[in-house]
Amino acid sequence: MLILSEFTLVHINASQAEFMKAHFQEEIKGINQYGIFANNTQVALSMFIPGLGIVLGMLSAFSSGLVSNALSTVFPALSNISPLVVFLTPFGILEIIA
């Protein structure tokens, strides 16, 4: 079984994780399919900027991983679940196809 906490490069403490969880919950409050589409479009279009696009893509991936790390710190049961399981959801399958 893949344990997330063994593979994290950035270790965060419980207070930092709780802060990130609260901020993440505030960011996604009231989001719907249009908000998800707009966010993905914004990230995808910004990655077309020559040179800077690679950095923005890496920053997006890093911040997604950091939130996943924070959630697994706050909710220890999540540390036993691979973050790749999100690709088994309908939204994850559509992300792969896109």
PDB file of N, CA and C in Angstrom:
ATOM      1  N   MET A   1       0.846  -1.185   0.000  1.00  0.00           N
ATOM      2  CA  MET A   1       0.000   0.000   0.000  1.00  0.00           C
ATOM      3  C   MET A   1       0.892   1.250   0.000  1.00  0.00           C
ATOM      4  N   LEU A   2       0.557   2.201  -0.829  1.00  0.00           N
ATOM      5  CA  LEU A   2       1.303   3.444  -0.938  1.00  0.00           C
ATOM      6  C   LEU A   2       0.951   4.363   0.213  1.00  0.00           C
ATOM      7  N   ILE A   3       1.957   4.769   0.960  1.00  0.00           N
ATOM      8  CA  ILE A   3       1.727   5.695   2.068  1.00  0.00           C
ATOM      9  C   ILE A   3       2.279   7.052   1.660  1.00  0.00           C
ATOM     10  N   LEU A   4       1.384   8.040   1.599  1.00  0.00           N
ATOM     11  CA  LEU A   4       1.734   9.354   1.074  1.00  0.00           C
ATOM     12  C   LEU A   4       2.836  10.026   1.873  1.00  0.00           C
ATOM     13  N   SER A   5       2.807   9.923   3.191  1.00  0.00           N
ATOM     14  CA  SER A   5       3.757  10.667   4.010  1.00  0.00           C
ATOM     15  C   SER A   5       5.200  10.225   3.777  1.00  0.00           C
ATOM     16  N   GLU A   6       5.411   9.015   3.257  1.00  0.00           N
ATOM     17  CA  GLU A   6       6.772   8.562   2.985  1.00  0.00           C
ATOM     18  C   GLU A   6       7.361   9.220   1.738  1.00  0.00           C
ATOM     19  N   PHE A   7       6.505   9.727   0.854  1.00  0.00           N
ATOM     20  CA  PHE A   7       6.971  10.241  -0.421  1.00  0.00           C
ATOM     21  C   PHE A   7       6.939  11.760  -0.527  1.00  0.00           C
ATOM     22  N   THR A   8       6.622  12.445   0.547  1.00  0.00           N
ATOM     23  CA  THR A   8       6.556  13.900   0.481  1.00  0.00           C
ATOM     24  C   THR A   8       7.945  14.498   0.624  1.00  0.00           C
ATOM     25  N   LEU A   9       8.235  15.470  -0.196  1.00  0.00           N
ATOM     26  CA  LEU A   9       9.514  16.159  -0.115  1.00  0.00           C
ATOM     27  C   LEU A   9       9.438  17.373   0.794  1.00  0.00           C
ATOM     28  N   VAL A  10       8.246  17.920   0.950  1.00  0.00           N
ATOM     29  CA  VAL A  10       8.041  19.077   1.810  1.00  0.00           C
ATOM     30  C   VAL A  10       7.229  18.607   3.009  1.00  0.00           C
ATOM     31  N   HIS A  11       7.837  18.625   4.165  1.00  0.00           N
ATOM     32  CA  HIS A  11       7.145  18.207   5.376  1.00  0.00           C
ATOM     33  C   HIS A  11       6.537  19.426   6.057  1.00  0.00           C
ATOM     34  N   ILE A  12       5.278  19.318   6.433  1.00  0.00           N
ATOM     35  CA  ILE A  12       4.586  20.419   7.083  1.00  0.00           C
ATOM     36  C   ILE A  12       4.078  19.942   8.435  1.00  0.00           C
ATOM     37  N   ASN A  13       3.998  20.873   9.377  1.00  0.00           N
ATOM     38  CA  ASN A  13       3.501  20.496  10.697  1.00  0.00           C
ATOM     39  C   ASN A  13       1.975  20.614  10.724  1.00  0.00           C
ATOM     40  N   ALA A  14       1.399  20.207  11.844  1.00  0.00           N
ATOM     41  CA  ALA A  14      -0.063  20.139  11.957  1.00  0.00           C
ATOM     42  C   ALA A  14      -0.718  21.512  11.839  1.00  0.00           C
ATOM     43  N   SER A  15      -0.104  22.552  12.392  1.00  0.00           N
ATOM     44  CA  SER A  15      -0.720  23.884  12.317  1.00  0.00           C
ATOM     45  C   SER A  15      -0.690  24.429  10.892  1.00  0.00           C
ATOM     46  N   GLN A  16       0.396  24.188  10.169  1.00  0.00           N
ATOM     47  CA  GLN A  16       0.460  24.601   8.768  1.00  0.00           C
ATOM     48  C   GLN A  16      -0.572  23.838   7.937  1.00  0.00           C
ATOM     49  N   ALA A  17      -0.717  22.551   8.218  1.00  0.00           N
ATOM     50  CA  ALA A  17      -1.680  21.727   7.491  1.00  0.00           C
ATOM     51  C   ALA A  17      -3.105  22.197   7.765  1.00  0.00           C
ATOM     52  N   GLU A  18      -3.393  22.523   8.995  1.00  0.00           N
ATOM     53  CA  GLU A  18      -4.738  23.004   9.341  1.00  0.00           C
ATOM     54  C   GLU A  18      -5.029  24.336   8.657  1.00  0.00           C
ATOM     55  N   PHE A  19      -4.030  25.227   8.589  1.00  0.00           N
ATOM     56  CA  PHE A  19      -4.194  26.510   7.897  1.00  0.00           C
ATOM     57  C   PHE A  19      -4.470  26.296   6.417  1.00  0.00           C
ATOM     58  N   MET A  20      -3.705  25.391   5.788  1.00  0.00           N
ATOM     59  CA  MET A  20      -3.900  25.118   4.364  1.00  0.00           C
ATOM     60  C   MET A  20      -5.259  24.490   4.103  1.00  0.00           C
ATOM     61  N   LYS A  21      -5.704  23.593   4.985  1.00  0.00           N
ATOM     62  CA  LYS A  21      -7.007  22.967   4.831  1.00  0.00           C
ATOM     63  C   LYS A  21      -8.117  24.011   4.899  1.00  0.00           C
ATOM     64  N   ALA A  22      -8.022  24.910   5.876  1.00  0.00           N
ATOM     65  CA  ALA A  22      -9.044  25.952   6.019  1.00  0.00           C
ATOM     66  C   ALA A  22      -9.058  26.868   4.793  1.00  0.00           C
ATOM     67  N   HIS A  23      -7.877  27.252   4.316  1.00  0.00           N
ATOM     68  CA  HIS A  23      -7.785  28.115   3.134  1.00  0.00           C
ATOM     69  C   HIS A  23      -8.330  27.393   1.903  1.00  0.00           C
ATOM     70  N   PHE A  24      -8.018  26.108   1.755  1.00  0.00           N
ATOM     71  CA  PHE A  24      -8.504  25.320   0.626  1.00  0.00           C
ATOM     72  C   PHE A  24     -10.023  25.220   0.656  1.00  0.00           C
ATOM     73  N   GLN A  25     -10.579  24.974   1.839  1.00  0.00           N
ATOM     74  CA  GLN A  25     -12.038  24.895   1.960  1.00  0.00           C
ATOM     75  C   GLN A  25     -12.695  26.220   1.592  1.00  0.00           C
ATOM     76  N   GLU A  26     -12.061  27.321   1.945  1.00  0.00           N
ATOM     77  CA  GLU A  26     -12.602  28.642   1.600  1.00  0.00           C
ATOM     78  C   GLU A  26     -12.533  28.872   0.094  1.00  0.00           C
ATOM     79  N   GLU A  27     -11.443  28.421  -0.536  1.00  0.00           N
ATOM     80  CA  GLU A  27     -11.264  28.600  -1.977  1.00  0.00           C
ATOM     81  C   GLU A  27     -12.290  27.821  -2.791  1.00  0.00           C
ATOM     82  N   ILE A  28     -12.654  26.622  -2.333  1.00  0.00           N
ATOM     83  CA  ILE A  28     -13.556  25.782  -3.128  1.00  0.00           C
ATOM     84  C   ILE A  28     -15.017  25.918  -2.713  1.00  0.00           C
ATOM     85  N   LYS A  29     -15.295  26.805  -1.781  1.00  0.00           N
ATOM     86  CA  LYS A  29     -16.680  26.989  -1.341  1.00  0.00           C
ATOM     87  C   LYS A  29     -17.526  27.482  -2.509  1.00  0.00           C
ATOM     88  N   GLY A  30     -18.586  26.754  -2.791  1.00  0.00           N
ATOM     89  CA  GLY A  30     -19.511  27.158  -3.836  1.00  0.00           C
ATOM     90  C   GLY A  30     -19.023  26.906  -5.255  1.00  0.00           C
ATOM     91  N   ILE A  31     -17.929  26.171  -5.428  1.00  0.00           N
ATOM     92  CA  ILE A  31     -17.426  25.925  -6.781  1.00  0.00           C
ATOM     93  C   ILE A  31     -18.308  24.880  -7.466  1.00  0.00           C
ATOM     94  N   ASN A  32     -18.499  25.047  -8.759  1.00  0.00           N
ATOM     95  CA  ASN A  32     -19.278  24.097  -9.547  1.00  0.00           C
ATOM     96  C   ASN A  32     -18.465  23.722 -10.788  1.00  0.00           C
ATOM     97  N   GLN A  33     -19.101  23.047 -11.719  1.00  0.00           N
ATOM     98  CA  GLN A  33     -18.376  22.595 -12.906  1.00  0.00           C
ATOM     99  C   GLN A  33     -17.828  23.756 -13.728  1.00  0.00           C
ATOM    100  N   TYR A  34     -18.508  24.884 -13.718  1.00  0.00           N
ATOM    101  CA  TYR A  34     -18.018  26.044 -14.476  1.00  0.00           C
ATOM    102  C   TYR A  34     -16.770  26.642 -13.821  1.00  0.00           C
ATOM    103  N   GLY A  35     -16.756  26.648 -12.510  1.00  0.00           N
ATOM    104  CA  GLY A  35     -15.582  27.137 -11.789  1.00  0.00           C
ATOM    105  C   GLY A  35     -14.377  26.242 -12.004  1.00  0.00           C
ATOM    106  N   ILE A  36     -14.606  24.933 -12.007  1.00  0.00           N
ATOM    107  CA  ILE A  36     -13.509  23.991 -12.266  1.00  0.00           C
ATOM    108  C   ILE A  36     -12.992  24.179 -13.689  1.00  0.00           C
ATOM    109  N   PHE A  37     -13.909  24.325 -14.651  1.00  0.00           N
ATOM    110  CA  PHE A  37     -13.503  24.532 -16.048  1.00  0.00           C
ATOM    111  C   PHE A  37     -12.715  25.830 -16.199  1.00  0.00           C
ATOM    112  N   ALA A  38     -13.194  26.905 -15.564  1.00  0.00           N
ATOM    113  CA  ALA A  38     -12.500  28.201 -15.663  1.00  0.00           C
ATOM    114  C   ALA A  38     -11.106  28.122 -15.047  1.00  0.00           C
ATOM    115  N   ASN A  39     -10.984  27.442 -13.922  1.00  0.00           N
ATOM    116  CA  ASN A  39      -9.679  27.314 -13.279  1.00  0.00           C
ATOM    117  C   ASN A  39      -8.725  26.503 -14.156  1.00  0.00           C
ATOM    118  N   ASN A  40      -9.205  25.369 -14.686  1.00  0.00           N
ATOM    119  CA  ASN A  40      -8.352  24.555 -15.547  1.00  0.00           C
ATOM    120  C   ASN A  40      -7.956  25.299 -16.818  1.00  0.00           C
ATOM    121  N   THR A  41      -8.885  26.070 -17.379  1.00  0.00           N
ATOM    122  CA  THR A  41      -8.590  26.856 -18.581  1.00  0.00           C
ATOM    123  C   THR A  41      -7.538  27.917 -18.288  1.00  0.00           C
ATOM    124  N   GLN A  42      -7.668  28.574 -17.157  1.00  0.00           N
ATOM    125  CA  GLN A  42      -6.698  29.609 -16.776  1.00  0.00           C
ATOM    126  C   GLN A  42      -5.296  29.021 -16.639  1.00  0.00           C
ATOM    127  N   VAL A  43      -5.191  27.882 -15.982  1.00  0.00           N
ATOM    128  CA  VAL A  43      -3.881  27.242 -15.816  1.00  0.00           C
ATOM    129  C   VAL A  43      -3.344  26.779 -17.163  1.00  0.00           C
ATOM    130  N   ALA A  44      -4.203  26.152 -17.983  1.00  0.00           N
ATOM    131  CA  ALA A  44      -3.756  25.636 -19.277  1.00  0.00           C
ATOM    132  C   ALA A  44      -3.294  26.758 -20.207  1.00  0.00           C
ATOM    133  N   LEU A  45      -4.052  27.848 -20.255  1.00  0.00           N
ATOM    134  CA  LEU A  45      -3.659  28.961 -21.127  1.00  0.00           C
ATOM    135  C   LEU A  45      -2.391  29.643 -20.642  1.00  0.00           C
ATOM    136  N   SER A  46      -2.213  29.734 -19.330  1.00  0.00           N
ATOM    137  CA  SER A  46      -0.998  30.374 -18.819  1.00  0.00           C
ATOM    138  C   SER A  46       0.230  29.530 -19.119  1.00  0.00           C
ATOM    139  N   MET A  47       0.047  28.229 -19.323  1.00  0.00           N
ATOM    140  CA  MET A  47       1.189  27.374 -19.630  1.00  0.00           C
ATOM    141  C   MET A  47       1.669  27.531 -21.066  1.00  0.00           C
ATOM    142  N   PHE A  48       0.934  28.269 -21.894  1.00  0.00           N
ATOM    143  CA  PHE A  48       1.379  28.547 -23.256  1.00  0.00           C
ATOM    144  C   PHE A  48       2.389  29.694 -23.317  1.00  0.00           C
ATOM    145  N   ILE A  49       2.590  30.409 -22.225  1.00  0.00           N
ATOM    146  CA  ILE A  49       3.561  31.498 -22.204  1.00  0.00           C
ATOM    147  C   ILE A  49       4.959  30.885 -22.315  1.00  0.00           C
ATOM    148  N   PRO A  50       5.714  31.254 -23.356  1.00  0.00           N
ATOM    149  CA  PRO A  50       7.038  30.646 -23.545  1.00  0.00           C
ATOM    150  C   PRO A  50       7.943  30.854 -22.319  1.00  0.00           C
ATOM    151  N   GLY A  51       8.559  29.771 -21.883  1.00  0.00           N
ATOM    152  CA  GLY A  51       9.474  29.823 -20.742  1.00  0.00           C
ATOM    153  C   GLY A  51       8.741  29.844 -19.412  1.00  0.00           C
ATOM    154  N   LEU A  52       7.911  30.836 -19.222  1.00  0.00           N
ATOM    155  CA  LEU A  52       7.193  30.990 -17.962  1.00  0.00           C
ATOM    156  C   LEU A  52       6.122  29.914 -17.793  1.00  0.00           C
ATOM    157  N   GLY A  53       5.602  29.385 -18.885  1.00  0.00           N
ATOM    158  CA  GLY A  53       4.562  28.363 -18.823  1.00  0.00           C
ATOM    159  C   GLY A  53       5.001  27.114 -18.088  1.00  0.00           C
ATOM    160  N   ILE A  54       6.243  26.710 -18.283  1.00  0.00           N
ATOM    161  CA  ILE A  54       6.777  25.531 -17.597  1.00  0.00           C
ATOM    162  C   ILE A  54       6.812  25.784 -16.095  1.00  0.00           C
ATOM    163  N   VAL A  55       7.236  26.959 -15.705  1.00  0.00           N
ATOM    164  CA  VAL A  55       7.302  27.312 -14.287  1.00  0.00           C
ATOM    165  C   VAL A  55       5.901  27.345 -13.687  1.00  0.00           C
ATOM    166  N   LEU A  56       4.944  27.923 -14.401  1.00  0.00           N
ATOM    167  CA  LEU A  56       3.578  27.987 -13.897  1.00  0.00           C
ATOM    168  C   LEU A  56       2.960  26.595 -13.770  1.00  0.00           C
ATOM    169  N   GLY A  57       3.256  25.713 -14.713  1.00  0.00           N
ATOM    170  CA  GLY A  57       2.773  24.331 -14.632  1.00  0.00           C
ATOM    171  C   GLY A  57       3.372  23.597 -13.450  1.00  0.00           C
ATOM    172  N   MET A  58       4.658  23.799 -13.214  1.00  0.00           N
ATOM    173  CA  MET A  58       5.305  23.171 -12.067  1.00  0.00           C
ATOM    174  C   MET A  58       4.755  23.732 -10.757  1.00  0.00           C
ATOM    175  N   LEU A  59       4.482  25.022 -10.727  1.00  0.00           N
ATOM    176  CA  LEU A  59       3.912  25.640  -9.531  1.00  0.00           C
ATOM    177  C   LEU A  59       2.514  25.094  -9.262  1.00  0.00           C
ATOM    178  N   SER A  60       1.723  24.908 -10.309  1.00  0.00           N
ATOM    179  CA  SER A  60       0.386  24.344 -10.159  1.00  0.00           C
ATOM    180  C   SER A  60       0.454  22.918  -9.617  1.00  0.00           C
ATOM    181  N   ALA A  61       1.348  22.113 -10.151  1.00  0.00           N
ATOM    182  CA  ALA A  61       1.502  20.735  -9.689  1.00  0.00           C
ATOM    183  C   ALA A  61       1.999  20.693  -8.247  1.00  0.00           C
ATOM    184  N   PHE A  62       2.948  21.576  -7.909  1.00  0.00           N
ATOM    185  CA  PHE A  62       3.487  21.621  -6.555  1.00  0.00           C
ATOM    186  C   PHE A  62       2.412  22.016  -5.549  1.00  0.00           C
ATOM    187  N   SER A  63       1.611  23.024  -5.890  1.00  0.00           N
ATOM    188  CA  SER A  63       0.585  23.478  -4.947  1.00  0.00           C
ATOM    189  C   SER A  63      -0.502  22.421  -4.766  1.00  0.00           C
ATOM    190  N   SER A  64      -0.828  21.684  -5.823  1.00  0.00           N
ATOM    191  CA  SER A  64      -1.796  20.585  -5.696  1.00  0.00           C
ATOM    192  C   SER A  64      -1.257  19.501  -4.774  1.00  0.00           C
ATOM    193  N   GLY A  65       0.017  19.176  -4.923  1.00  0.00           N
ATOM    194  CA  GLY A  65       0.646  18.188  -4.048  1.00  0.00           C
ATOM    195  C   GLY A  65       0.730  18.654  -2.612  1.00  0.00           C
ATOM    196  N   LEU A  66       0.969  19.946  -2.419  1.00  0.00           N
ATOM    197  CA  LEU A  66       1.056  20.494  -1.069  1.00  0.00           C
ATOM    198  C   LEU A  66      -0.295  20.420  -0.357  1.00  0.00           C
ATOM    199  N   VAL A  67      -1.367  20.696  -1.076  1.00  0.00           N
ATOM    200  CA  VAL A  67      -2.708  20.574  -0.489  1.00  0.00           C
ATOM    201  C   VAL A  67      -3.001  19.113  -0.163  1.00  0.00           C
ATOM    202  N   SER A  68      -2.619  18.203  -1.046  1.00  0.00           N
ATOM    203  CA  SER A  68      -2.800  16.777  -0.780  1.00  0.00           C
ATOM    204  C   SER A  68      -2.020  16.357   0.465  1.00  0.00           C
ATOM    205  N   ASN A  69      -0.813  16.863   0.604  1.00  0.00           N
ATOM    206  CA  ASN A  69       0.013  16.594   1.784  1.00  0.00           C
ATOM    207  C   ASN A  69      -0.648  17.148   3.037  1.00  0.00           C
ATOM    208  N   ALA A  70      -1.179  18.360   2.972  1.00  0.00           N
ATOM    209  CA  ALA A  70      -1.836  18.970   4.127  1.00  0.00           C
ATOM    210  C   ALA A  70      -3.069  18.176   4.543  1.00  0.00           C
ATOM    211  N   LEU A  71      -3.866  17.749   3.566  1.00  0.00           N
ATOM    212  CA  LEU A  71      -5.058  16.977   3.887  1.00  0.00           C
ATOM    213  C   LEU A  71      -4.703  15.630   4.501  1.00  0.00           C
ATOM    214  N   SER A  72      -3.627  15.001   4.032  1.00  0.00           N
ATOM    215  CA  SER A  72      -3.231  13.720   4.620  1.00  0.00           C
ATOM    216  C   SER A  72      -2.641  13.909   6.014  1.00  0.00           C
ATOM    217  N   THR A  73      -2.137  15.108   6.313  1.00  0.00           N
ATOM    218  CA  THR A  73      -1.644  15.394   7.655  1.00  0.00           C
ATOM    219  C   THR A  73      -2.804  15.623   8.610  1.00  0.00           C
ATOM    220  N   VAL A  74      -3.815  16.362   8.156  1.00  0.00           N
ATOM    221  CA  VAL A  74      -4.971  16.657   9.000  1.00  0.00           C
ATOM    222  C   VAL A  74      -5.835  15.408   9.189  1.00  0.00           C
ATOM    223  N   PHE A  75      -6.016  14.640   8.115  1.00  0.00           N
ATOM    224  CA  PHE A  75      -6.825  13.422   8.165  1.00  0.00           C
ATOM    225  C   PHE A  75      -5.897  12.227   7.941  1.00  0.00           C
ATOM    226  N   PRO A  76      -5.366  11.629   8.994  1.00  0.00           N
ATOM    227  CA  PRO A  76      -4.370  10.552   8.844  1.00  0.00           C
ATOM    228  C   PRO A  76      -4.853   9.358   8.024  1.00  0.00           C
ATOM    229  N   ALA A  77      -6.146   9.111   7.966  1.00  0.00           N
ATOM    230  CA  ALA A  77      -6.651   7.987   7.166  1.00  0.00           C
ATOM    231  C   ALA A  77      -6.326   8.177   5.680  1.00  0.00           C
ATOM    232  N   LEU A  78      -6.210   9.429   5.235  1.00  0.00           N
ATOM    233  CA  LEU A  78      -5.887   9.687   3.828  1.00  0.00           C
ATOM    234  C   LEU A  78      -4.447   9.331   3.480  1.00  0.00           C
ATOM    235  N   SER A  79      -3.573   9.245   4.478  1.00  0.00           N
ATOM    236  CA  SER A  79      -2.171   8.946   4.182  1.00  0.00           C
ATOM    237  C   SER A  79      -1.993   7.514   3.684  1.00  0.00           C
ATOM    238  N   ASN A  80      -3.003   6.659   3.877  1.00  0.00           N
ATOM    239  CA  ASN A  80      -2.926   5.281   3.386  1.00  0.00           C
ATOM    240  C   ASN A  80      -3.538   5.116   2.007  1.00  0.00           C
ATOM    241  N   ILE A  81      -4.011   6.199   1.416  1.00  0.00           N
ATOM    242  CA  ILE A  81      -4.650   6.151   0.102  1.00  0.00           C
ATOM    243  C   ILE A  81      -3.778   6.907  -0.894  1.00  0.00           C
ATOM    244  N   SER A  82      -3.531   6.292  -2.027  1.00  0.00           N
ATOM    245  CA  SER A  82      -2.722   6.938  -3.060  1.00  0.00           C
ATOM    246  C   SER A  82      -3.452   8.153  -3.623  1.00  0.00           C
ATOM    247  N   PRO A  83      -2.749   9.267  -3.828  1.00  0.00           N
ATOM    248  CA  PRO A  83      -3.402  10.427  -4.443  1.00  0.00           C
ATOM    249  C   PRO A  83      -3.818  10.167  -5.886  1.00  0.00           C
ATOM    250  N   LEU A  84      -3.309   9.116  -6.500  1.00  0.00           N
ATOM    251  CA  LEU A  84      -3.669   8.786  -7.877  1.00  0.00           C
ATOM    252  C   LEU A  84      -5.066   8.195  -7.979  1.00  0.00           C
ATOM    253  N   VAL A  85      -5.687   7.862  -6.840  1.00  0.00           N
ATOM    254  CA  VAL A  85      -7.035   7.302  -6.853  1.00  0.00           C
ATOM    255  C   VAL A  85      -8.041   8.312  -7.413  1.00  0.00           C
ATOM    256  N   VAL A  86      -7.682   9.582  -7.414  1.00  0.00           N
ATOM    257  CA  VAL A  86      -8.573  10.610  -7.968  1.00  0.00           C
ATOM    258  C   VAL A  86      -8.837  10.367  -9.453  1.00  0.00           C
ATOM    259  N   PHE A  87      -7.927   9.682 -10.132  1.00  0.00           N
ATOM    260  CA  PHE A  87      -8.119   9.404 -11.555  1.00  0.00           C
ATOM    261  C   PHE A  87      -9.146   8.302 -11.804  1.00  0.00           C
ATOM    262  N   LEU A  88      -9.652   7.676 -10.753  1.00  0.00           N
ATOM    263  CA  LEU A  88     -10.695   6.666 -10.898  1.00  0.00           C
ATOM    264  C   LEU A  88     -12.087   7.266 -10.799  1.00  0.00           C
ATOM    265  N   THR A  89     -12.175   8.542 -10.472  1.00  0.00           N
ATOM    266  CA  THR A  89     -13.463   9.222 -10.387  1.00  0.00           C
ATOM    267  C   THR A  89     -13.872   9.693 -11.788  1.00  0.00           C
ATOM    268  N   PRO A  90     -15.161   9.963 -11.988  1.00  0.00           N
ATOM    269  CA  PRO A  90     -15.583  10.477 -13.313  1.00  0.00           C
ATOM    270  C   PRO A  90     -14.835  11.751 -13.727  1.00  0.00           C
ATOM    271  N   PHE A  91     -14.613  12.655 -12.788  1.00  0.00           N
ATOM    272  CA  PHE A  91     -13.882  13.885 -13.127  1.00  0.00           C
ATOM    273  C   PHE A  91     -12.430  13.560 -13.483  1.00  0.00           C
ATOM    274  N   GLY A  92     -11.831  12.621 -12.755  1.00  0.00           N
ATOM    275  CA  GLY A  92     -10.450  12.232 -13.042  1.00  0.00           C
ATOM    276  C   GLY A  92     -10.304  11.591 -14.407  1.00  0.00           C
ATOM    277  N   ILE A  93     -11.265  10.768 -14.776  1.00  0.00           N
ATOM    278  CA  ILE A  93     -11.240  10.141 -16.098  1.00  0.00           C
ATOM    279  C   ILE A  93     -11.349  11.205 -17.193  1.00  0.00           C
ATOM    280  N   LEU A  94     -12.221  12.176 -16.984  1.00  0.00           N
ATOM    281  CA  LEU A  94     -12.328  13.269 -17.964  1.00  0.00           C
ATOM    282  C   LEU A  94     -11.049  14.096 -18.031  1.00  0.00           C
ATOM    283  N   GLU A  95     -10.381  14.284 -16.894  1.00  0.00           N
ATOM    284  CA  GLU A  95      -9.103  15.015 -16.898  1.00  0.00           C
ATOM    285  C   GLU A  95      -8.057  14.274 -17.731  1.00  0.00           C
ATOM    286  N   ILE A  96      -8.027  12.958 -17.594  1.00  0.00           N
ATOM    287  CA  ILE A  96      -7.059  12.167 -18.365  1.00  0.00           C
ATOM    288  C   ILE A  96      -7.370  12.274 -19.863  1.00  0.00           C
ATOM    289  N   ILE A  97      -8.649  12.151 -20.213  1.00  0.00           N
ATOM    290  CA  ILE A  97      -9.037  12.242 -21.619  1.00  0.00           C
ATOM    291  C   ILE A  97      -8.708  13.623 -22.200  1.00  0.00           C
ATOM    292  N   ALA A  98      -8.949  14.657 -21.397  1.00  0.00           N
ATOM    293  CA  ALA A  98      -8.699  16.020 -21.880  1.00  0.00           C
ATOM    294  C   ALA A  98      -7.219  16.241 -22.071  1.00  0.00           C
TER     295      ALA A  98
END
